Protein backbone atom coordinates (compact mmCIF):
# COMPACT_ATOMS: atom_id res chain seq x y z
CA MET A 1 44.98 -27.30 31.44
CA PRO A 2 46.77 -23.94 31.61
CA PRO A 3 44.83 -20.67 31.77
CA ILE A 4 44.98 -17.97 29.10
CA ASN A 5 48.03 -16.17 30.46
CA LYS A 6 50.09 -19.38 30.50
CA HIS A 7 49.29 -20.05 26.82
CA ILE A 8 50.20 -16.47 25.92
CA SER A 9 53.43 -16.69 27.89
CA GLN A 10 54.34 -19.95 26.15
CA ALA A 11 53.56 -18.51 22.72
CA GLN A 12 55.77 -15.49 23.41
CA SER A 13 58.52 -17.71 24.81
CA ASN A 14 58.39 -19.79 21.61
CA ILE A 15 58.59 -16.62 19.51
CA SER A 16 61.62 -15.45 21.51
CA PHE A 17 63.25 -18.83 20.89
CA LEU A 18 62.42 -18.53 17.18
CA ASN A 19 64.11 -15.10 17.13
CA SER A 20 67.35 -16.75 18.24
CA PHE A 21 67.83 -18.74 15.03
CA PHE A 22 65.20 -17.69 12.47
CA LEU A 23 66.52 -18.09 8.89
CA GLN A 24 70.02 -18.87 10.16
CA TYR A 25 69.71 -22.65 10.50
CA ALA A 26 67.21 -25.37 11.47
CA ASN A 27 64.41 -24.24 9.18
CA ASP A 28 62.41 -27.33 10.08
CA TRP A 29 62.45 -26.14 13.69
CA ALA A 30 61.43 -22.64 12.62
CA ILE A 31 58.30 -24.10 11.03
CA THR A 32 57.63 -26.27 14.07
CA VAL A 33 58.08 -23.39 16.51
CA MET A 34 55.78 -21.17 14.43
CA PHE A 35 53.13 -23.87 14.60
CA TYR A 36 53.44 -24.39 18.36
CA SER A 37 53.38 -20.63 18.95
CA SER A 38 50.16 -20.54 16.92
CA LEU A 39 48.80 -23.48 18.86
CA HIS A 40 49.23 -21.64 22.17
CA ALA A 41 47.74 -18.44 20.75
CA VAL A 42 44.74 -20.40 19.50
CA GLU A 43 44.36 -22.24 22.82
CA ALA A 44 44.27 -18.88 24.65
CA MET A 45 41.49 -17.65 22.35
CA ILE A 46 39.57 -20.94 22.64
CA PHE A 47 39.80 -20.72 26.43
CA CYS A 48 38.49 -17.16 26.35
CA GLU A 49 35.62 -18.01 23.97
CA ALA A 50 34.64 -21.12 25.87
CA SER A 51 34.72 -19.23 29.17
CA GLN A 52 32.40 -16.56 27.77
CA ARG A 53 30.07 -19.14 26.26
CA SER A 54 29.87 -21.18 29.47
CA VAL A 55 28.49 -18.10 31.23
CA ARG A 56 25.71 -18.18 28.61
CA ASN A 57 25.27 -21.97 29.05
CA ASP A 58 26.50 -22.61 25.50
CA PHE A 59 28.75 -25.66 25.90
CA GLU A 60 29.39 -26.33 22.23
CA TYR A 61 33.09 -25.47 22.72
CA GLU A 62 35.40 -26.77 25.44
CA LEU A 63 37.96 -24.76 27.39
CA HIS A 64 40.86 -26.76 25.95
CA SER A 65 41.36 -28.95 22.95
CA LYS A 66 41.99 -32.62 23.51
CA THR A 67 43.83 -33.38 20.26
CA HIS A 68 45.18 -31.55 17.23
CA ASP A 69 42.05 -32.58 15.27
CA HIS A 70 39.77 -31.36 18.05
CA ARG A 71 41.64 -28.01 18.14
CA GLU A 72 41.40 -27.67 14.38
CA ARG A 73 37.61 -28.15 14.54
CA GLN A 74 37.34 -25.56 17.31
CA VAL A 75 39.38 -23.08 15.27
CA LYS A 76 37.13 -23.74 12.28
CA GLY A 77 34.00 -23.09 14.34
CA LEU A 78 35.21 -20.20 16.48
CA PHE A 79 37.76 -18.42 14.28
CA PRO A 80 36.98 -19.13 10.61
CA ASP A 81 39.13 -16.15 9.53
CA ILE A 82 42.31 -17.99 10.52
CA HIS A 83 41.19 -21.57 10.02
CA SER A 84 42.89 -22.10 6.66
CA ALA A 85 46.15 -20.47 7.86
CA TYR A 86 46.14 -22.61 11.01
CA LEU A 87 45.40 -25.78 9.05
CA GLU A 88 48.13 -25.06 6.49
CA LEU A 89 50.70 -24.29 9.18
CA SER A 90 49.74 -27.47 11.01
CA GLN A 91 50.24 -29.54 7.86
CA VAL A 92 53.56 -27.88 7.04
CA ALA A 93 54.74 -28.50 10.62
CA ASP A 94 53.76 -32.17 10.23
CA ASN A 95 56.04 -32.28 7.17
CA ALA A 96 58.84 -30.76 9.23
CA ARG A 97 58.39 -33.14 12.16
CA TYR A 98 57.45 -36.43 10.55
CA LYS A 99 58.48 -36.35 6.91
CA VAL A 100 61.88 -34.76 7.53
CA TYR A 101 61.28 -32.16 4.85
CA LYS A 102 64.12 -29.65 4.60
CA PHE A 103 62.70 -26.15 4.16
CA ARG A 104 64.48 -23.50 2.16
CA PRO A 105 64.59 -19.97 3.63
CA ASP A 106 62.09 -18.72 1.03
CA GLU A 107 59.65 -21.44 2.14
CA VAL A 108 60.07 -20.41 5.77
CA THR A 109 59.40 -16.76 4.94
CA PHE A 110 56.36 -17.79 2.87
CA ASN A 111 54.93 -19.75 5.81
CA PHE A 112 55.75 -16.91 8.18
CA GLN A 113 53.99 -14.27 6.07
CA ASN A 114 51.03 -16.30 4.82
CA TYR A 115 50.18 -18.49 7.80
CA PHE A 116 51.95 -17.57 11.04
CA LYS A 117 51.79 -13.79 10.88
CA PRO A 118 48.05 -13.68 10.04
CA ILE A 119 47.31 -15.93 13.03
CA VAL A 120 49.34 -13.71 15.35
CA GLU A 121 47.73 -10.55 13.93
CA PHE A 122 44.29 -12.08 14.46
CA PHE A 123 45.28 -13.01 18.02
CA ASN A 124 46.50 -9.47 18.72
CA SER A 125 43.28 -7.96 17.38
CA TYR A 126 41.20 -10.48 19.36
CA PHE A 127 42.85 -9.36 22.60
CA THR A 128 43.11 -5.65 21.73
CA SER A 129 41.25 -4.64 24.89
CA LYS A 130 43.50 -6.70 27.20
CA PRO A 131 46.85 -5.06 27.95
CA GLY A 132 49.72 -7.53 27.92
CA TYR A 133 47.80 -10.04 25.82
CA SER A 134 49.76 -9.54 22.63
CA LEU A 135 52.50 -11.29 20.71
CA ASN A 136 55.40 -9.35 19.22
CA LEU A 137 56.75 -10.26 15.78
CA ASN A 138 58.81 -7.09 15.18
CA GLN A 139 62.20 -8.82 15.27
CA LEU A 140 61.02 -11.65 12.99
CA ASP A 141 59.47 -9.13 10.58
CA GLY A 142 62.86 -7.41 10.40
CA VAL A 143 64.66 -10.67 9.62
CA VAL A 144 62.12 -11.53 6.89
CA ASN A 145 62.37 -8.05 5.34
CA SER A 146 66.17 -8.22 5.39
CA TYR A 147 66.13 -11.68 3.79
CA GLN A 148 63.74 -10.56 1.06
CA THR A 149 65.82 -7.46 0.31
CA LYS A 150 68.99 -9.55 -0.03
CA SER A 151 67.32 -12.22 -2.19
CA GLN A 152 65.85 -9.79 -4.73
CA PRO A 153 67.79 -9.55 -7.99
């Protein structure tokens, strides 16, 4: 399985891809990409936690998740502050991928602000002491703010 820096790089690559079309078209893909960006951010944190715990001979958590359910349980145990956001985003992404639900822009912005952004903010605070271990949402924040300004009566 990839090390921390590979997960972070993939998460940022996904966010860059999301920037290229966010709220313009393919809202189902926006939800999916937000989820997979979160997945890689979470995997990086799990890897870090498990590495630290293995030094202490605490093998309750593994370096990498084997399945989505396994990852969700690890998030619940290791990062309860973002568990509900991660679980909600996972379920919404399932709707996008498997139930062919067509998301409206306001639903995408809701999921961005209430689930994706809190996960990324938690990730950034988790890795505060590690330069280069951060994810940038500035461009997406700008798109969301612009959308909300235009959609207000």
